[in-house]
Amino acid sequence: MSGKIERPKGTHDVVPAEMPLWQRVTGEVARLCGLYGYRNILTPVFEDTALFARTAGQGSDVVRKEMYSFTDRSDRPLTLRPEGTAPICRAYVEHGMHRDPQPVKVFTIAPMYRYGAPGKGRYREHWQASVEAIGSDDPAIDAELIQLYDTLLHRLGVSAYHLELNSIGCRTCRPAYLETLGTWLTENEQRLDADTRAKVATSPLRVFDNYLAKPETVRVALGEAPRIGESLCEECVAHFAAVRADLDATGVAYDLVPTLVRGLDYYTRTTWEFIGPMENENSTISGGGRYDGLVEEIGGPPTPGVGFGAGFERLLIAMEDAGATAEPPSLDVFFVLDDGAPRREVTGWLAELRRRGIAADTDYAGRSLKGQLTQAARLGAAVTVIVGLDGVGLRRHGRADELLAHADVVGRLSA
């Protein structure tokens, strides 16, 4: 029996009609990263499962609920990458990039995989830009990355967003805060939902993760919890003040949100999220932060780092809400074949024009003359070449047709 096969649940196709806007986003990301000195890097679509289990944290939602993990034919535990930072840091260690001039500034555009309930802007396979600066603890580079994404939104015409900012401390000051927070959570566990209580034992700080998606009563309770900002050490206070000063200097507006954390264990100090126009738990269009212990956690030398991930699907929704558009690729020449047209010669003309960098096409569907002219207009051809038995006519919008011999076609179109 045969039946219709559809794409897996939680995935999506980017069809040709949607590709111009998609390519506008990817092209602007790559162009802007280049302006800021970030070079492209590609990592495998799957990694050793331990890479994510060790860095994301066993108690994280990513590890507990969302990873696509499997064993291969040699019984090696592998996982489709759920995020881009850990693989890039693994490549940094494996290829000895700590010996390169620091910081190493890289970016990637790639699909990520997380099992979860699909929704608007939320896919199990989603595309993401990961932009990372590894090897510097300078707060100026935290601000640079935030300002880079803020600039991207402006370049893409998105204005309905805001930036949330926080500091979650470091190895020096966070342990004492976690002890204080853990005590408070235990004393108030009856005010928390089951999902929040489950995080208390594994990672108390993560009770604030996905804060807006929690029931209102839980948000009210957590609003009374001790705040990490009240427990920061002097170094973290100074670092966060410098980040804010640099953002102020570049005109990037932000809201201080004391409950803002990131969902993975490796984050330290600066954390941030860009919140888009969707008023639900999928409203985050980009999130990032500092991860000063991640490289060391996977076997590298002590190395500070900072970066962000930005999904494309939610960004495209924000762009569409803002009325953003993108022009489809232009076609320079379309050949319309009349009765008796030398099809073999047209094939040669097409090949030669394309070799010269001229976008050219013709009819392959057996359309009538009228249908071919309609197709040329639909494709937005700058020049329509009507090919007859003894010659051709060049038709351009707003100009009289120009008649040519077959032998002169390529030269005239290349002029």
Protein backbone atom coordinates (compact mmCIF):
# COMPACT_ATOMS: atom_id res chain seq x y z
CA MET A 1 0.00 0.00 0.00
CA SER A 2 1.17 3.51 -0.75
CA GLY A 3 0.09 6.66 1.04
CA LYS A 4 0.89 10.29 1.39
CA ILE A 5 4.07 10.94 3.34
CA GLU A 6 4.27 14.26 5.18
CA ARG A 7 7.06 16.05 7.00
CA PRO A 8 7.61 14.94 10.62
CA LYS A 9 5.64 16.77 13.28
CA GLY A 10 7.45 19.82 14.56
CA THR A 11 9.41 20.45 11.35
CA HIS A 12 8.74 22.81 8.48
CA ASP A 13 9.72 23.37 4.87
CA VAL A 14 11.11 26.65 3.59
CA VAL A 15 9.52 26.69 0.14
CA PRO A 16 10.79 28.88 -2.73
CA ALA A 17 8.14 31.56 -2.12
CA GLU A 18 9.42 32.01 1.45
CA MET A 19 13.11 31.82 0.58
CA PRO A 20 13.71 35.51 -0.30
CA LEU A 21 12.82 36.64 3.24
CA TRP A 22 14.75 33.69 4.70
CA GLN A 23 17.83 34.58 2.66
CA ARG A 24 17.49 38.21 3.68
CA VAL A 25 17.83 37.12 7.31
CA THR A 26 20.70 34.68 6.81
CA GLY A 27 22.52 37.09 4.52
CA GLU A 28 22.21 39.99 6.97
CA VAL A 29 23.38 37.79 9.88
CA ALA A 30 26.47 36.73 7.95
CA ARG A 31 27.19 40.26 6.71
CA LEU A 32 26.80 41.83 10.15
CA CYS A 33 28.90 39.15 11.86
CA GLY A 34 31.62 39.84 9.33
CA LEU A 35 31.51 43.57 10.12
CA TYR A 36 32.02 42.75 13.81
CA GLY A 37 34.93 40.37 13.12
CA TYR A 38 33.13 37.04 13.60
CA ARG A 39 34.17 34.21 11.27
CA ASN A 40 32.01 31.31 10.14
CA ILE A 41 32.34 27.86 11.73
CA LEU A 42 30.45 24.61 11.08
CA THR A 43 30.14 21.70 13.51
CA PRO A 44 28.52 18.26 13.07
CA VAL A 45 24.76 17.94 13.37
CA PHE A 46 25.27 15.27 16.06
CA GLU A 47 27.72 15.09 18.95
CA ASP A 48 28.66 12.78 21.80
CA THR A 49 25.70 12.85 24.21
CA ALA A 50 28.06 13.60 27.11
CA LEU A 51 28.84 17.01 25.61
CA PHE A 52 25.32 18.24 26.30
CA ALA A 53 24.63 16.21 29.45
CA ARG A 54 27.77 17.55 31.08
CA THR A 55 27.41 21.19 30.05
CA ALA A 56 23.65 21.79 30.00
CA GLY A 57 23.12 20.07 33.35
CA GLN A 58 21.34 16.81 34.15
CA GLY A 59 18.45 18.74 35.69
CA SER A 60 17.86 21.01 32.71
CA ASP A 61 14.75 20.64 30.58
CA VAL A 62 17.01 20.18 27.56
CA VAL A 63 18.62 17.05 29.02
CA ARG A 64 15.56 15.67 30.82
CA LYS A 65 12.92 16.23 28.14
CA GLU A 66 14.14 17.64 24.86
CA MET A 67 17.25 15.93 23.48
CA TYR A 68 17.08 13.65 20.45
CA SER A 69 19.51 10.98 21.66
CA PHE A 70 20.29 7.59 20.13
CA THR A 71 23.02 4.99 19.84
CA ASP A 72 24.64 4.31 16.49
CA ARG A 73 25.56 0.91 15.05
CA SER A 74 28.65 0.83 17.28
CA ASP A 75 26.56 1.59 20.41
CA ARG A 76 28.02 5.08 20.77
CA PRO A 77 25.63 7.49 22.52
CA LEU A 78 24.97 10.44 20.21
CA THR A 79 22.62 13.43 20.28
CA LEU A 80 21.37 15.78 17.61
CA ARG A 81 22.63 19.17 18.73
CA PRO A 82 19.99 21.04 20.76
CA GLU A 83 22.05 24.25 20.85
CA GLY A 84 25.14 25.68 19.20
CA THR A 85 27.40 26.93 21.99
CA ALA A 86 28.66 23.63 23.44
CA PRO A 87 29.64 22.18 20.00
CA ILE A 88 31.52 25.38 19.13
CA CYS A 89 33.37 25.24 22.45
CA ARG A 90 34.14 21.57 21.85
CA ALA A 91 35.66 22.54 18.47
CA TYR A 92 37.60 25.35 20.19
CA VAL A 93 39.20 22.81 22.55
CA GLU A 94 39.69 20.02 20.01
CA HIS A 95 41.44 22.26 17.46
CA GLY A 96 43.61 24.09 19.98
CA MET A 97 42.06 27.47 19.29
CA HIS A 98 43.21 28.68 22.70
CA ARG A 99 46.60 29.12 21.00
CA ASP A 100 45.07 31.55 18.49
CA PRO A 101 44.78 35.29 19.19
CA GLN A 102 42.01 35.73 21.75
CA PRO A 103 39.12 36.12 21.73
CA VAL A 104 38.14 33.68 19.00
CA LYS A 105 35.02 35.23 17.45
CA VAL A 106 32.89 32.80 15.45
CA PHE A 107 29.33 32.26 14.30
CA THR A 108 27.31 29.48 12.74
CA ILE A 109 23.94 29.22 11.02
CA ALA A 110 22.56 25.71 11.46
CA PRO A 111 19.54 23.62 12.45
CA MET A 112 19.04 22.65 16.10
CA TYR A 113 16.85 19.85 17.48
CA ARG A 114 14.67 19.82 20.59
CA TYR A 115 11.72 17.61 21.32
CA GLY A 116 8.82 19.68 22.62
CA ALA A 117 5.26 20.68 21.91
CA PRO A 118 5.23 22.42 18.51
CA GLY A 119 3.59 25.82 18.26
CA LYS A 120 3.83 29.14 16.50
CA GLY A 121 7.52 29.89 16.20
CA ARG A 122 8.42 26.68 18.04
CA TYR A 123 9.71 23.72 16.06
CA ARG A 124 11.49 20.50 16.92
CA GLU A 125 13.92 21.26 14.13
CA HIS A 126 14.62 24.97 14.07
CA TRP A 127 17.28 27.12 12.47
CA GLN A 128 19.47 29.29 14.61
CA ALA A 129 22.41 31.66 14.48
CA SER A 130 24.92 31.05 17.27
CA VAL A 131 27.41 33.88 17.73
CA GLU A 132 30.27 33.29 20.20
CA ALA A 133 33.32 35.14 21.52
CA ILE A 134 35.63 32.74 23.37
CA GLY A 135 38.73 33.75 25.31
CA SER A 136 37.91 37.15 26.85
CA ASP A 137 36.26 38.20 30.09
CA ASP A 138 36.02 41.85 28.99
CA PRO A 139 32.47 43.14 29.69
CA ALA A 140 32.77 45.20 26.50
CA ILE A 141 32.40 42.06 24.43
CA ASP A 142 29.19 41.13 26.27
CA ALA A 143 27.84 44.53 25.24
CA GLU A 144 29.18 44.10 21.69
CA LEU A 145 27.23 40.88 21.18
CA ILE A 146 24.04 42.41 22.56
CA GLN A 147 24.50 45.46 20.36
CA LEU A 148 25.14 43.24 17.33
CA TYR A 149 21.76 41.56 17.64
CA ASP A 150 20.05 44.86 18.41
CA THR A 151 21.55 46.23 15.19
CA LEU A 152 20.35 43.16 13.29
CA LEU A 153 16.77 43.78 14.39
CA HIS A 154 16.98 47.39 13.23
CA ARG A 155 18.46 46.34 9.87
CA LEU A 156 15.61 43.87 9.37
CA GLY A 157 12.93 46.39 10.23
CA VAL A 158 11.86 44.89 13.57
CA SER A 159 10.89 47.46 16.20
CA ALA A 160 8.37 45.62 18.43
CA TYR A 161 10.83 44.11 20.89
CA HIS A 162 12.62 44.83 24.14
CA LEU A 163 15.82 43.63 25.78
CA GLU A 164 15.88 42.06 29.25
CA LEU A 165 19.16 41.98 31.17
CA ASN A 166 20.48 40.43 34.38
CA SER A 167 23.60 39.07 36.07
CA ILE A 168 23.51 35.65 37.70
CA GLY A 169 26.89 35.80 39.41
CA CYS A 170 29.93 33.55 39.25
CA ARG A 171 31.54 30.63 41.06
CA THR A 172 32.53 32.95 43.88
CA CYS A 173 29.19 34.47 44.78
CA ARG A 174 26.59 32.07 43.39
CA PRO A 175 27.00 29.17 45.89
CA ALA A 176 26.01 31.31 48.88
CA TYR A 177 23.04 32.69 46.96
CA LEU A 178 21.91 29.20 45.93
CA GLU A 179 21.99 28.10 49.57
CA THR A 180 19.83 31.08 50.54
CA LEU A 181 17.49 30.52 47.62
CA GLY A 182 17.23 26.78 48.33
CA THR A 183 16.19 27.48 51.90
CA TRP A 184 13.52 29.92 50.76
CA LEU A 185 12.19 27.50 48.13
CA THR A 186 11.94 24.69 50.66
CA GLU A 187 10.03 26.94 53.06
CA ASN A 188 7.65 28.02 50.29
CA GLU A 189 7.32 24.80 48.29
CA GLN A 190 3.55 24.66 48.78
CA ARG A 191 3.25 27.84 46.73
CA LEU A 192 5.08 26.29 43.79
CA ASP A 193 3.84 24.04 41.01
CA ALA A 194 5.20 20.52 40.48
CA ASP A 195 7.54 21.49 37.65
CA THR A 196 9.14 24.26 39.71
CA ARG A 197 9.48 22.04 42.78
CA ALA A 198 11.23 19.40 40.69
CA LYS A 199 13.98 21.90 39.85
CA VAL A 200 14.67 22.80 43.46
CA ALA A 201 16.68 19.65 44.13
CA THR A 202 18.72 19.71 40.90
CA SER A 203 19.29 23.39 40.13
CA PRO A 204 17.51 25.95 42.32
CA LEU A 205 18.43 28.87 40.08
CA ARG A 206 16.54 27.30 37.20
CA VAL A 207 13.21 27.72 39.01
CA PHE A 208 13.15 31.12 37.32
CA ASP A 209 13.63 29.66 33.83
CA ASN A 210 10.73 30.28 31.43
CA TYR A 211 9.28 32.58 34.05
CA LEU A 212 6.43 33.99 31.94
CA ALA A 213 5.07 30.51 31.16
CA LYS A 214 4.54 29.68 34.85
CA PRO A 215 1.13 30.00 36.55
CA GLU A 216 0.47 33.49 37.88
CA THR A 217 0.42 32.30 41.50
CA VAL A 218 3.89 30.79 41.05
CA ARG A 219 5.20 33.98 39.46
CA VAL A 220 3.90 35.96 42.43
CA ALA A 221 5.64 33.61 44.84
CA LEU A 222 8.94 33.67 42.98
CA GLY A 223 8.75 37.44 42.87
CA GLU A 224 9.26 37.35 46.64
CA ALA A 225 12.28 35.02 46.50
CA PRO A 226 15.82 36.26 47.25
CA ARG A 227 17.39 37.83 44.17
CA ILE A 228 20.83 37.04 42.81
CA GLY A 229 21.52 40.73 42.27
CA GLU A 230 21.57 41.23 46.03
CA SER A 231 24.33 38.60 46.44
CA LEU A 232 26.80 39.47 43.67
CA CYS A 233 30.48 39.73 44.57
CA GLU A 234 32.38 42.95 43.90
CA GLU A 235 33.84 41.62 40.65
CA CYS A 236 30.40 40.65 39.30
CA VAL A 237 28.92 43.99 40.34
CA ALA A 238 31.71 45.82 38.50
CA HIS A 239 31.41 43.58 35.44
CA PHE A 240 27.65 44.10 35.17
CA ALA A 241 28.00 47.86 35.66
CA ALA A 242 30.50 47.97 32.80
CA VAL A 243 28.18 46.01 30.49
CA ARG A 244 25.35 48.43 31.21
CA ALA A 245 27.61 51.45 30.70
CA ASP A 246 28.70 50.16 27.29
CA LEU A 247 25.10 49.51 26.28
CA ASP A 248 24.19 53.02 27.36
CA ALA A 249 27.09 54.37 25.29
CA THR A 250 25.80 52.61 22.15
CA GLY A 251 22.18 53.59 22.72
CA VAL A 252 20.87 50.07 23.37
CA ALA A 253 17.82 50.23 25.67
CA TYR A 254 17.24 47.45 28.21
CA ASP A 255 15.13 46.43 31.18
CA LEU A 256 16.76 45.02 34.31
CA VAL A 257 14.92 41.78 35.14
CA PRO A 258 16.15 40.19 38.41
CA THR A 259 14.37 36.87 37.69
CA LEU A 260 16.00 36.39 34.29
CA VAL A 261 18.10 33.24 34.05
CA ARG A 262 19.04 30.98 31.17
CA GLY A 263 17.96 27.35 30.92
CA LEU A 264 21.43 25.78 30.81
CA ASP A 265 23.86 25.25 33.68
CA TYR A 266 26.91 26.74 32.02
CA TYR A 267 25.78 30.38 32.12
CA THR A 268 27.48 32.89 34.46
CA ARG A 269 27.33 36.62 35.03
CA THR A 270 25.64 38.50 32.15
CA THR A 271 22.42 36.98 30.81
CA TRP A 272 19.98 38.53 28.38
CA GLU A 273 16.94 37.90 26.22
CA PHE A 274 15.37 39.81 23.36
CA ILE A 275 11.59 39.55 23.64
CA GLY A 276 9.58 39.84 20.43
CA PRO A 277 5.94 40.69 19.68
CA MET A 278 4.40 37.27 20.43
CA GLU A 279 2.70 37.43 23.81
CA ASN A 280 3.32 33.86 24.94
CA GLU A 281 6.08 31.55 26.14
CA ASN A 282 7.57 31.58 22.62
CA SER A 283 8.17 35.33 22.63
CA THR A 284 11.97 35.10 23.11
CA ILE A 285 13.62 35.74 19.75
CA SER A 286 17.21 35.61 21.03
CA GLY A 287 18.96 34.76 24.27
CA GLY A 288 22.51 34.66 25.45
CA GLY A 289 24.99 35.13 28.22
CA ARG A 290 28.44 34.55 29.58
CA TYR A 291 29.76 31.00 30.13
CA ASP A 292 33.14 31.36 31.79
CA GLY A 293 33.38 27.73 32.95
CA LEU A 294 32.13 25.88 29.88
CA VAL A 295 35.41 25.33 28.04
CA GLU A 296 37.06 24.02 31.21
CA GLU A 297 34.06 21.73 31.83
CA ILE A 298 34.69 19.89 28.54
CA GLY A 299 38.42 19.44 29.07
CA GLY A 300 39.93 22.71 27.90
CA PRO A 301 41.95 25.27 29.83
CA PRO A 302 40.13 27.83 31.99
CA THR A 303 38.63 30.08 29.33
CA PRO A 304 35.94 32.76 29.55
CA GLY A 305 33.31 33.00 26.86
CA VAL A 306 30.09 34.73 25.91
CA GLY A 307 27.56 34.38 23.12
CA PHE A 308 23.96 34.12 22.03
CA GLY A 309 21.58 31.97 20.04
CA ALA A 310 18.88 33.47 17.83
CA GLY A 311 16.18 31.39 16.17
CA PHE A 312 15.13 32.36 12.66
CA GLU A 313 11.51 31.22 12.74
CA ARG A 314 10.47 33.61 15.51
CA LEU A 315 12.53 36.38 13.98
CA LEU A 316 10.69 35.90 10.68
CA ILE A 317 7.37 36.17 12.52
CA ALA A 318 8.52 39.45 14.05
CA MET A 319 9.61 40.69 10.61
CA GLU A 320 6.29 39.74 9.02
CA ASP A 321 4.44 41.51 11.83
CA ALA A 322 6.50 44.58 10.98
CA GLY A 323 5.59 44.30 7.29
CA ALA A 324 9.07 43.30 6.13
CA THR A 325 9.41 42.01 2.58
CA ALA A 326 12.15 40.72 0.31
CA GLU A 327 12.38 40.68 -3.45
CA PRO A 328 12.62 37.31 -5.21
CA PRO A 329 15.72 36.64 -7.32
CA SER A 330 15.61 38.59 -10.57
CA LEU A 331 15.64 36.95 -13.99
CA ASP A 332 17.55 38.78 -16.69
CA VAL A 333 16.33 36.93 -19.77
CA PHE A 334 13.45 34.61 -20.64
CA PHE A 335 13.31 32.91 -24.05
CA VAL A 336 9.83 32.46 -25.54
CA LEU A 337 9.75 29.92 -28.37
CA ASP A 338 7.40 30.56 -31.28
CA ASP A 339 6.57 27.94 -33.92
CA GLY A 340 9.69 26.80 -35.73
CA ALA A 341 12.11 28.24 -33.17
CA PRO A 342 15.53 26.50 -33.18
CA ARG A 343 15.36 24.91 -29.74
CA ARG A 344 18.88 23.52 -29.93
CA GLU A 345 20.31 27.00 -30.57
CA VAL A 346 18.33 28.37 -27.61
CA THR A 347 19.93 25.70 -25.42
CA GLY A 348 23.36 26.94 -26.47
CA TRP A 349 22.38 30.58 -25.85
CA LEU A 350 21.19 29.73 -22.35
CA ALA A 351 24.45 27.98 -21.49
CA GLU A 352 26.59 30.83 -22.81
CA LEU A 353 24.59 33.57 -21.07
CA ARG A 354 24.76 31.69 -17.77
CA ARG A 355 28.53 31.31 -18.20
CA ARG A 356 28.67 35.09 -18.50
CA GLY A 357 26.73 35.55 -15.26
CA ILE A 358 23.38 36.40 -16.85
CA ALA A 359 20.31 34.75 -15.29
CA ALA A 360 18.42 33.14 -18.15
CA ASP A 361 15.57 30.64 -18.49
CA THR A 362 13.02 29.32 -20.97
CA ASP A 363 9.83 27.26 -21.08
CA TYR A 364 10.00 23.55 -20.26
CA ALA A 365 6.27 22.91 -19.84
CA GLY A 366 5.05 23.06 -23.44
CA ARG A 367 3.10 26.32 -22.92
CA SER A 368 1.50 28.21 -25.75
CA LEU A 369 3.07 31.44 -26.93
CA LYS A 370 0.66 33.40 -24.74
CA GLY A 371 1.40 31.12 -21.78
CA GLN A 372 5.15 31.61 -22.23
CA LEU A 373 4.74 35.39 -22.27
CA THR A 374 2.69 35.14 -19.08
CA GLN A 375 5.40 33.01 -17.48
CA ALA A 376 8.09 35.54 -18.45
CA ALA A 377 6.07 38.30 -16.79
CA ARG A 378 5.42 36.13 -13.72
CA LEU A 379 9.17 35.57 -13.32
CA GLY A 380 9.87 39.29 -13.70
CA ALA A 381 12.20 38.86 -16.67
CA ALA A 382 13.98 42.09 -17.59
CA VAL A 383 14.17 41.00 -21.23
CA THR A 384 11.79 38.64 -23.02
CA VAL A 385 13.29 37.14 -26.16
CA ILE A 386 10.66 35.89 -28.60
CA VAL A 387 12.45 33.35 -30.79
CA GLY A 388 11.11 32.62 -34.26
CA LEU A 389 12.30 30.58 -37.21
CA ASP A 390 14.27 33.42 -38.88
CA GLY A 391 15.10 35.79 -36.04
CA VAL A 392 14.24 37.06 -32.58
CA GLY A 393 12.46 39.98 -30.98
CA LEU A 394 13.79 41.54 -27.77
CA ARG A 395 11.00 42.92 -25.62
CA ARG A 396 11.64 45.27 -22.70
CA HIS A 397 8.99 47.01 -20.64
CA GLY A 398 8.27 50.52 -21.92
CA ARG A 399 10.43 50.17 -25.06
CA ALA A 400 9.81 49.18 -28.65
CA ASP A 401 10.68 45.61 -29.63
CA GLU A 402 14.14 45.15 -31.14
CA LEU A 403 14.63 42.66 -33.96
CA LEU A 404 17.83 40.61 -34.23
CA ALA A 405 19.31 37.77 -36.23
CA HIS A 406 19.96 34.52 -34.38
CA ALA A 407 23.71 35.04 -34.62
CA ASP A 408 23.53 38.36 -32.73
CA VAL A 409 21.47 37.23 -29.73
CA VAL A 410 24.20 36.38 -27.22
CA GLY A 411 26.33 39.41 -28.04
CA ARG A 412 23.39 41.81 -27.77
CA LEU A 413 22.17 40.36 -24.46
CA SER A 414 25.69 40.45 -23.02
CA ALA A 415 26.30 44.09 -23.92
